[in-house]
Amino acid sequence: MSPTQLVVAEAKINQRCEAARRAGDLAEMQRCRAELTSLHRVYYGALRQPMC
């Protein structure tokens, strides 16, 4: 995943989070936060792996 792909994926998830926040949908907000956390773990975890 490139840095650009990360930014695009974050933006899409953040849009859903914002819509859920405006609607007061706590369950959707939690799912969005979990997706962002997972995305960051995958992206930043991959950066820490040695390139062999």
PDB file of N, CA and C in Angstrom:
ATOM      1  N   MET A   1       0.852  -1.179   0.000  1.00  0.00           N
ATOM      2  CA  MET A   1       0.000   0.000   0.000  1.00  0.00           C
ATOM      3  C   MET A   1       0.892   1.234   0.000  1.00  0.00           C
ATOM      4  N   SER A   2       0.597   2.124  -0.908  1.00  0.00           N
ATOM      5  CA  SER A   2       1.387   3.353  -0.993  1.00  0.00           C
ATOM      6  C   SER A   2       0.828   4.407  -0.030  1.00  0.00           C
ATOM      7  N   PRO A   3       1.620   5.421   0.258  1.00  0.00           N
ATOM      8  CA  PRO A   3       1.121   6.500   1.125  1.00  0.00           C
ATOM      9  C   PRO A   3      -0.150   7.151   0.568  1.00  0.00           C
ATOM     10  N   THR A   4      -0.247   7.277  -0.746  1.00  0.00           N
ATOM     11  CA  THR A   4      -1.436   7.864  -1.362  1.00  0.00           C
ATOM     12  C   THR A   4      -2.659   6.989  -1.115  1.00  0.00           C
ATOM     13  N   GLN A   5      -2.494   5.677  -1.251  1.00  0.00           N
ATOM     14  CA  GLN A   5      -3.603   4.761  -1.002  1.00  0.00           C
ATOM     15  C   GLN A   5      -4.058   4.845   0.450  1.00  0.00           C
ATOM     16  N   LEU A   6      -3.116   5.008   1.362  1.00  0.00           N
ATOM     17  CA  LEU A   6      -3.450   5.143   2.773  1.00  0.00           C
ATOM     18  C   LEU A   6      -4.301   6.391   2.988  1.00  0.00           C
ATOM     19  N   VAL A   7      -3.897   7.502   2.417  1.00  0.00           N
ATOM     20  CA  VAL A   7      -4.630   8.761   2.580  1.00  0.00           C
ATOM     21  C   VAL A   7      -6.048   8.631   2.017  1.00  0.00           C
ATOM     22  N   VAL A   8      -6.182   8.015   0.861  1.00  0.00           N
ATOM     23  CA  VAL A   8      -7.498   7.846   0.231  1.00  0.00           C
ATOM     24  C   VAL A   8      -8.381   6.950   1.104  1.00  0.00           C
ATOM     25  N   ALA A   9      -7.832   5.852   1.583  1.00  0.00           N
ATOM     26  CA  ALA A   9      -8.604   4.943   2.436  1.00  0.00           C
ATOM     27  C   ALA A   9      -9.020   5.641   3.731  1.00  0.00           C
ATOM     28  N   GLU A  10      -8.098   6.403   4.342  1.00  0.00           N
ATOM     29  CA  GLU A  10      -8.423   7.150   5.557  1.00  0.00           C
ATOM     30  C   GLU A  10      -9.543   8.143   5.301  1.00  0.00           C
ATOM     31  N   ALA A  11      -9.481   8.843   4.174  1.00  0.00           N
ATOM     32  CA  ALA A  11     -10.491   9.858   3.853  1.00  0.00           C
ATOM     33  C   ALA A  11     -11.870   9.225   3.717  1.00  0.00           C
ATOM     34  N   LYS A  12     -11.945   8.081   3.059  1.00  0.00           N
ATOM     35  CA  LYS A  12     -13.237   7.399   2.894  1.00  0.00           C
ATOM     36  C   LYS A  12     -13.806   6.977   4.243  1.00  0.00           C
ATOM     37  N   ILE A  13     -12.960   6.410   5.086  1.00  0.00           N
ATOM     38  CA  ILE A  13     -13.415   5.976   6.405  1.00  0.00           C
ATOM     39  C   ILE A  13     -13.812   7.181   7.246  1.00  0.00           C
ATOM     40  N   ASN A  14     -13.026   8.247   7.182  1.00  0.00           N
ATOM     41  CA  ASN A  14     -13.350   9.451   7.945  1.00  0.00           C
ATOM     42  C   ASN A  14     -14.667  10.070   7.506  1.00  0.00           C
ATOM     43  N   GLN A  15     -14.992  10.008   6.213  1.00  0.00           N
ATOM     44  CA  GLN A  15     -16.276  10.508   5.729  1.00  0.00           C
ATOM     45  C   GLN A  15     -17.421   9.718   6.346  1.00  0.00           C
ATOM     46  N   ARG A  16     -17.259   8.378   6.384  1.00  0.00           N
ATOM     47  CA  ARG A  16     -18.290   7.540   7.012  1.00  0.00           C
ATOM     48  C   ARG A  16     -18.418   7.852   8.492  1.00  0.00           C
ATOM     49  N   CYS A  17     -17.273   8.058   9.162  1.00  0.00           N
ATOM     50  CA  CYS A  17     -17.300   8.392  10.591  1.00  0.00           C
ATOM     51  C   CYS A  17     -18.045   9.703  10.823  1.00  0.00           C
ATOM     52  N   GLU A  18     -17.772  10.681   9.990  1.00  0.00           N
ATOM     53  CA  GLU A  18     -18.415  11.986  10.141  1.00  0.00           C
ATOM     54  C   GLU A  18     -19.920  11.882   9.909  1.00  0.00           C
ATOM     55  N   ALA A  19     -20.331  11.134   8.894  1.00  0.00           N
ATOM     56  CA  ALA A  19     -21.759  10.946   8.634  1.00  0.00           C
ATOM     57  C   ALA A  19     -22.422  10.225   9.804  1.00  0.00           C
ATOM     58  N   ALA A  20     -21.744   9.241  10.357  1.00  0.00           N
ATOM     59  CA  ALA A  20     -22.290   8.510  11.506  1.00  0.00           C
ATOM     60  C   ALA A  20     -22.380   9.415  12.728  1.00  0.00           C
ATOM     61  N   ARG A  21     -21.389  10.277  12.897  1.00  0.00           N
ATOM     62  CA  ARG A  21     -21.409  11.202  14.030  1.00  0.00           C
ATOM     63  C   ARG A  21     -22.591  12.168  13.920  1.00  0.00           C
ATOM     64  N   ARG A  22     -22.807  12.691  12.715  1.00  0.00           N
ATOM     65  CA  ARG A  22     -23.931  13.610  12.508  1.00  0.00           C
ATOM     66  C   ARG A  22     -25.264  12.918  12.746  1.00  0.00           C
ATOM     67  N   ALA A  23     -25.338  11.639  12.367  1.00  0.00           N
ATOM     68  CA  ALA A  23     -26.582  10.874  12.538  1.00  0.00           C
ATOM     69  C   ALA A  23     -26.726  10.337  13.963  1.00  0.00           C
ATOM     70  N   GLY A  24     -25.665  10.395  14.746  1.00  0.00           N
ATOM     71  CA  GLY A  24     -25.711   9.878  16.108  1.00  0.00           C
ATOM     72  C   GLY A  24     -25.615   8.365  16.183  1.00  0.00           C
ATOM     73  N   ASP A  25     -25.041   7.748  15.156  1.00  0.00           N
ATOM     74  CA  ASP A  25     -24.921   6.279  15.089  1.00  0.00           C
ATOM     75  C   ASP A  25     -23.615   5.840  15.749  1.00  0.00           C
ATOM     76  N   LEU A  26     -23.705   5.534  17.026  1.00  0.00           N
ATOM     77  CA  LEU A  26     -22.506   5.166  17.776  1.00  0.00           C
ATOM     78  C   LEU A  26     -21.878   3.863  17.285  1.00  0.00           C
ATOM     79  N   ALA A  27     -22.712   2.901  16.906  1.00  0.00           N
ATOM     80  CA  ALA A  27     -22.178   1.617  16.437  1.00  0.00           C
ATOM     81  C   ALA A  27     -21.346   1.803  15.170  1.00  0.00           C
ATOM     82  N   GLU A  28     -21.836   2.620  14.239  1.00  0.00           N
ATOM     83  CA  GLU A  28     -21.084   2.862  13.005  1.00  0.00           C
ATOM     84  C   GLU A  28     -19.800   3.625  13.297  1.00  0.00           C
ATOM     85  N   MET A  29     -19.856   4.560  14.240  1.00  0.00           N
ATOM     86  CA  MET A  29     -18.658   5.299  14.612  1.00  0.00           C
ATOM     87  C   MET A  29     -17.597   4.349  15.172  1.00  0.00           C
ATOM     88  N   GLN A  30     -18.015   3.395  15.979  1.00  0.00           N
ATOM     89  CA  GLN A  30     -17.077   2.424  16.540  1.00  0.00           C
ATOM     90  C   GLN A  30     -16.479   1.554  15.445  1.00  0.00           C
ATOM     91  N   ARG A  31     -17.305   1.147  14.477  1.00  0.00           N
ATOM     92  CA  ARG A  31     -16.790   0.340  13.361  1.00  0.00           C
ATOM     93  C   ARG A  31     -15.766   1.139  12.560  1.00  0.00           C
ATOM     94  N   CYS A  32     -16.057   2.414  12.318  1.00  0.00           N
ATOM     95  CA  CYS A  32     -15.117   3.264  11.574  1.00  0.00           C
ATOM     96  C   CYS A  32     -13.792   3.379  12.313  1.00  0.00           C
ATOM     97  N   ARG A  33     -13.847   3.636  13.598  1.00  0.00           N
ATOM     98  CA  ARG A  33     -12.617   3.765  14.390  1.00  0.00           C
ATOM     99  C   ARG A  33     -11.831   2.450  14.357  1.00  0.00           C
ATOM    100  N   ALA A  34     -12.537   1.326  14.444  1.00  0.00           N
ATOM    101  CA  ALA A  34     -11.858   0.032  14.388  1.00  0.00           C
ATOM    102  C   ALA A  34     -11.188  -0.176  13.029  1.00  0.00           C
ATOM    103  N   GLU A  35     -11.869   0.243  11.949  1.00  0.00           N
ATOM    104  CA  GLU A  35     -11.279   0.119  10.613  1.00  0.00           C
ATOM    105  C   GLU A  35     -10.039   0.992  10.475  1.00  0.00           C
ATOM    106  N   LEU A  36     -10.095   2.210  11.005  1.00  0.00           N
ATOM    107  CA  LEU A  36      -8.923   3.088  10.953  1.00  0.00           C
ATOM    108  C   LEU A  36      -7.760   2.494  11.729  1.00  0.00           C
ATOM    109  N   THR A  37      -8.044   1.953  12.896  1.00  0.00           N
ATOM    110  CA  THR A  37      -6.998   1.328  13.710  1.00  0.00           C
ATOM    111  C   THR A  37      -6.374   0.157  12.960  1.00  0.00           C
ATOM    112  N   SER A  38      -7.214  -0.671  12.369  1.00  0.00           N
ATOM    113  CA  SER A  38      -6.726  -1.817  11.612  1.00  0.00           C
ATOM    114  C   SER A  38      -5.893  -1.372  10.410  1.00  0.00           C
ATOM    115  N   LEU A  39      -6.372  -0.369   9.700  1.00  0.00           N
ATOM    116  CA  LEU A  39      -5.644   0.157   8.550  1.00  0.00           C
ATOM    117  C   LEU A  39      -4.269   0.660   8.961  1.00  0.00           C
ATOM    118  N   HIS A  40      -4.203   1.398  10.049  1.00  0.00           N
ATOM    119  CA  HIS A  40      -2.920   1.930  10.522  1.00  0.00           C
ATOM    120  C   HIS A  40      -1.989   0.810  10.969  1.00  0.00           C
ATOM    121  N   ARG A  41      -2.526  -0.211  11.622  1.00  0.00           N
ATOM    122  CA  ARG A  41      -1.678  -1.343  12.039  1.00  0.00           C
ATOM    123  C   ARG A  41      -1.098  -2.062  10.835  1.00  0.00           C
ATOM    124  N   VAL A  42      -1.915  -2.256   9.817  1.00  0.00           N
ATOM    125  CA  VAL A  42      -1.438  -2.935   8.605  1.00  0.00           C
ATOM    126  C   VAL A  42      -0.384  -2.080   7.913  1.00  0.00           C
ATOM    127  N   TYR A  43      -0.679  -0.791   7.730  1.00  0.00           N
ATOM    128  CA  TYR A  43       0.235   0.074   6.985  1.00  0.00           C
ATOM    129  C   TYR A  43       1.532   0.313   7.747  1.00  0.00           C
ATOM    130  N   TYR A  44       1.419   0.764   8.973  1.00  0.00           N
ATOM    131  CA  TYR A  44       2.631   1.103   9.720  1.00  0.00           C
ATOM    132  C   TYR A  44       3.365  -0.139  10.209  1.00  0.00           C
ATOM    133  N   GLY A  45       2.642  -1.213  10.424  1.00  0.00           N
ATOM    134  CA  GLY A  45       3.285  -2.483  10.785  1.00  0.00           C
ATOM    135  C   GLY A  45       4.120  -3.007   9.628  1.00  0.00           C
ATOM    136  N   ALA A  46       3.611  -2.834   8.396  1.00  0.00           N
ATOM    137  CA  ALA A  46       4.339  -3.285   7.213  1.00  0.00           C
ATOM    138  C   ALA A  46       5.617  -2.468   7.019  1.00  0.00           C
ATOM    139  N   LEU A  47       5.572  -1.207   7.413  1.00  0.00           N
ATOM    140  CA  LEU A  47       6.761  -0.371   7.266  1.00  0.00           C
ATOM    141  C   LEU A  47       7.870  -0.807   8.217  1.00  0.00           C
ATOM    142  N   ARG A  48       7.497  -1.400   9.332  1.00  0.00           N
ATOM    143  CA  ARG A  48       8.492  -1.801  10.322  1.00  0.00           C
ATOM    144  C   ARG A  48       9.139  -3.142  10.006  1.00  0.00           C
ATOM    145  N   GLN A  49       8.552  -3.890   9.057  1.00  0.00           N
ATOM    146  CA  GLN A  49       9.097  -5.196   8.725  1.00  0.00           C
ATOM    147  C   GLN A  49      10.395  -5.039   7.957  1.00  0.00           C
ATOM    148  N   PRO A  50      11.378  -5.875   8.251  1.00  0.00           N
ATOM    149  CA  PRO A  50      12.629  -5.810   7.482  1.00  0.00           C
ATOM    150  C   PRO A  50      12.388  -6.203   6.028  1.00  0.00           C
ATOM    151  N   MET A  51      13.030  -5.513   5.139  1.00  0.00           N
ATOM    152  CA  MET A  51      12.885  -5.789   3.708  1.00  0.00           C
ATOM    153  C   MET A  51      13.981  -6.771   3.287  1.00  0.00           C
ATOM    154  N   CYS A  52      13.673  -8.045   3.294  1.00  0.00           N
ATOM    155  CA  CYS A  52      14.658  -9.068   2.948  1.00  0.00           C
ATOM    156  C   CYS A  52      14.411  -9.608   1.564  1.00  0.00           C
TER     157      CYS A  52
END
